[in-house]
């Protein structure tokens, strides 16, 4: 994994949905990170299209990643396909939310 990708992931891990005590990376909301010559494109989703904090979370991800982007433009794209589900969560997130194998 490139150093820039690691830095991007570290910045994304600082962003939390205020209603869920798990960062958006471990929730599995980030689908792709594409580092191009002049920009960084992050594809992400939400657990629900009705999330009231959607814009704030997107803005926070963009702002955090810009701190390590080395001057590249940061574009956060919202995608709904494939739909998010519990299987996208990290094991640590499932444990934090008490969603072990038996619970989901």
C-alpha atoms as a PDB file:
ATOM      1  CA  UNK A   1       0.000   0.000   0.000  1.00  0.00           C
ATOM      2  CA  UNK A   2       1.403   3.385  -0.918  1.00  0.00           C
ATOM      3  CA  UNK A   3       2.316   5.852   1.794  1.00  0.00           C
ATOM      4  CA  UNK A   4      -0.232   8.336   0.473  1.00  0.00           C
ATOM      5  CA  UNK A   5      -2.995   5.727   0.558  1.00  0.00           C
ATOM      6  CA  UNK A   6      -2.085   4.879   4.156  1.00  0.00           C
ATOM      7  CA  UNK A   7      -2.204   8.575   5.095  1.00  0.00           C
ATOM      8  CA  UNK A   8      -5.590   8.958   3.386  1.00  0.00           C
ATOM      9  CA  UNK A   9      -6.996   5.975   5.272  1.00  0.00           C
ATOM     10  CA  UNK A  10      -5.624   7.364   8.552  1.00  0.00           C
ATOM     11  CA  UNK A  11      -7.444  10.652   7.888  1.00  0.00           C
ATOM     12  CA  UNK A  12     -10.671   8.874   6.931  1.00  0.00           C
ATOM     13  CA  UNK A  13     -10.501   6.883  10.176  1.00  0.00           C
ATOM     14  CA  UNK A  14     -10.767  10.175  12.081  1.00  0.00           C
ATOM     15  CA  UNK A  15     -14.303  10.713  10.730  1.00  0.00           C
ATOM     16  CA  UNK A  16     -17.255   9.311  12.684  1.00  0.00           C
ATOM     17  CA  UNK A  17     -20.983   9.317  12.164  1.00  0.00           C
ATOM     18  CA  UNK A  18     -22.129  11.126  15.339  1.00  0.00           C
ATOM     19  CA  UNK A  19     -24.825   8.493  15.899  1.00  0.00           C
ATOM     20  CA  UNK A  20     -22.459   5.504  15.640  1.00  0.00           C
ATOM     21  CA  UNK A  21     -19.262   5.144  17.729  1.00  0.00           C
ATOM     22  CA  UNK A  22     -17.289   3.690  14.795  1.00  0.00           C
ATOM     23  CA  UNK A  23     -15.323   5.529  12.111  1.00  0.00           C
ATOM     24  CA  UNK A  24     -16.554   5.536   8.514  1.00  0.00           C
ATOM     25  CA  UNK A  25     -13.642   3.361   7.335  1.00  0.00           C
ATOM     26  CA  UNK A  26     -14.418   0.535   9.773  1.00  0.00           C
ATOM     27  CA  UNK A  27     -18.129   0.890   9.032  1.00  0.00           C
ATOM     28  CA  UNK A  28     -17.258  -0.047   5.453  1.00  0.00           C
ATOM     29  CA  UNK A  29     -18.638   3.157   3.979  1.00  0.00           C
ATOM     30  CA  UNK A  30     -15.558   3.763   1.803  1.00  0.00           C
ATOM     31  CA  UNK A  31     -15.791   1.720  -1.383  1.00  0.00           C
ATOM     32  CA  UNK A  32     -12.733   2.938  -3.275  1.00  0.00           C
ATOM     33  CA  UNK A  33      -9.781   5.321  -3.104  1.00  0.00           C
ATOM     34  CA  UNK A  34      -8.277   6.220  -6.466  1.00  0.00           C
ATOM     35  CA  UNK A  35      -5.090   8.307  -6.391  1.00  0.00           C
ATOM     36  CA  UNK A  36      -4.557   9.958  -9.761  1.00  0.00           C
ATOM     37  CA  UNK A  37      -1.852  12.345 -10.931  1.00  0.00           C
ATOM     38  CA  UNK A  38      -3.804  15.491 -10.042  1.00  0.00           C
ATOM     39  CA  UNK A  39      -6.641  14.284  -7.821  1.00  0.00           C
ATOM     40  CA  UNK A  40      -7.822  11.795  -5.252  1.00  0.00           C
ATOM     41  CA  UNK A  41     -11.241  10.271  -5.832  1.00  0.00           C
ATOM     42  CA  UNK A  42     -12.971   8.612  -2.888  1.00  0.00           C
ATOM     43  CA  UNK A  43     -16.144   6.625  -3.506  1.00  0.00           C
ATOM     44  CA  UNK A  44     -18.326   6.167  -0.471  1.00  0.00           C
ATOM     45  CA  UNK A  45     -21.831   5.364   0.618  1.00  0.00           C
ATOM     46  CA  UNK A  46     -23.953   5.628   3.756  1.00  0.00           C
ATOM     47  CA  UNK A  47     -25.941   3.107   5.734  1.00  0.00           C
ATOM     48  CA  UNK A  48     -29.067   5.019   4.726  1.00  0.00           C
ATOM     49  CA  UNK A  49     -29.857   7.625   2.062  1.00  0.00           C
ATOM     50  CA  UNK A  50     -31.741   9.478   4.814  1.00  0.00           C
ATOM     51  CA  UNK A  51     -28.620  10.159   6.931  1.00  0.00           C
ATOM     52  CA  UNK A  52     -29.031  13.726   8.222  1.00  0.00           C
ATOM     53  CA  UNK A  53     -25.256  14.145   8.625  1.00  0.00           C
ATOM     54  CA  UNK A  54     -24.370  13.121   5.070  1.00  0.00           C
ATOM     55  CA  UNK A  55     -23.054  16.501   3.877  1.00  0.00           C
ATOM     56  CA  UNK A  56     -21.113  17.121   7.101  1.00  0.00           C
ATOM     57  CA  UNK A  57     -19.434  13.714   6.934  1.00  0.00           C
ATOM     58  CA  UNK A  58     -18.515  14.137   3.258  1.00  0.00           C
ATOM     59  CA  UNK A  59     -17.107  17.618   3.997  1.00  0.00           C
ATOM     60  CA  UNK A  60     -15.094  16.297   6.935  1.00  0.00           C
ATOM     61  CA  UNK A  61     -13.617  13.457   4.859  1.00  0.00           C
ATOM     62  CA  UNK A  62     -12.672  15.889   2.105  1.00  0.00           C
ATOM     63  CA  UNK A  63     -11.152  18.349   4.566  1.00  0.00           C
ATOM     64  CA  UNK A  64      -9.167  15.656   6.404  1.00  0.00           C
ATOM     65  CA  UNK A  65      -7.823  14.081   3.210  1.00  0.00           C
ATOM     66  CA  UNK A  66      -6.824  17.490   1.828  1.00  0.00           C
ATOM     67  CA  UNK A  67      -4.314  17.755   4.697  1.00  0.00           C
ATOM     68  CA  UNK A  68      -2.322  14.850   3.181  1.00  0.00           C
ATOM     69  CA  UNK A  69      -3.221  15.260  -0.517  1.00  0.00           C
ATOM     70  CA  UNK A  70       0.039  16.975  -1.521  1.00  0.00           C
ATOM     71  CA  UNK A  71      -1.913  19.578  -3.493  1.00  0.00           C
ATOM     72  CA  UNK A  72      -4.131  17.100  -5.312  1.00  0.00           C
ATOM     73  CA  UNK A  73      -7.819  17.933  -5.601  1.00  0.00           C
ATOM     74  CA  UNK A  74      -9.982  15.704  -3.391  1.00  0.00           C
ATOM     75  CA  UNK A  75     -13.304  14.516  -4.798  1.00  0.00           C
ATOM     76  CA  UNK A  76     -15.677  12.503  -2.585  1.00  0.00           C
ATOM     77  CA  UNK A  77     -18.297  10.737  -4.720  1.00  0.00           C
ATOM     78  CA  UNK A  78     -21.441   9.353  -3.174  1.00  0.00           C
ATOM     79  CA  UNK A  79     -22.520   5.975  -4.576  1.00  0.00           C
ATOM     80  CA  UNK A  80     -25.452   3.724  -3.734  1.00  0.00           C
ATOM     81  CA  UNK A  81     -24.534   0.665  -5.781  1.00  0.00           C
ATOM     82  CA  UNK A  82     -23.707  -1.741  -4.362  1.00  0.00           C
ATOM     83  CA  UNK A  83     -25.880  -1.049  -1.364  1.00  0.00           C
ATOM     84  CA  UNK A  84     -24.119  -1.023   2.000  1.00  0.00           C
ATOM     85  CA  UNK A  85     -24.728  -3.958   4.344  1.00  0.00           C
ATOM     86  CA  UNK A  86     -23.296  -5.253   7.618  1.00  0.00           C
ATOM     87  CA  UNK A  87     -20.804  -7.514   5.846  1.00  0.00           C
ATOM     88  CA  UNK A  88     -18.789  -4.436   4.811  1.00  0.00           C
ATOM     89  CA  UNK A  89     -17.983  -3.595   8.437  1.00  0.00           C
ATOM     90  CA  UNK A  90     -14.618  -4.509   9.930  1.00  0.00           C
ATOM     91  CA  UNK A  91     -14.502  -7.123  12.666  1.00  0.00           C
ATOM     92  CA  UNK A  92     -13.533  -4.388  15.145  1.00  0.00           C
ATOM     93  CA  UNK A  93     -16.641  -2.393  14.186  1.00  0.00           C
ATOM     94  CA  UNK A  94     -18.897  -5.424  14.611  1.00  0.00           C
ATOM     95  CA  UNK A  95     -17.442  -6.064  18.060  1.00  0.00           C
ATOM     96  CA  UNK A  96     -17.797  -2.377  19.035  1.00  0.00           C
ATOM     97  CA  UNK A  97     -21.461  -2.430  17.989  1.00  0.00           C
ATOM     98  CA  UNK A  98     -22.061  -5.898  19.464  1.00  0.00           C
ATOM     99  CA  UNK A  99     -22.865  -7.354  16.057  1.00  0.00           C
ATOM    100  CA  UNK A 100     -20.995 -10.610  16.323  1.00  0.00           C
ATOM    101  CA  UNK A 101     -21.790 -13.496  13.991  1.00  0.00           C
ATOM    102  CA  UNK A 102     -24.713 -14.560  16.182  1.00  0.00           C
ATOM    103  CA  UNK A 103     -26.128 -11.004  16.195  1.00  0.00           C
ATOM    104  CA  UNK A 104     -26.310 -10.541  12.432  1.00  0.00           C
END
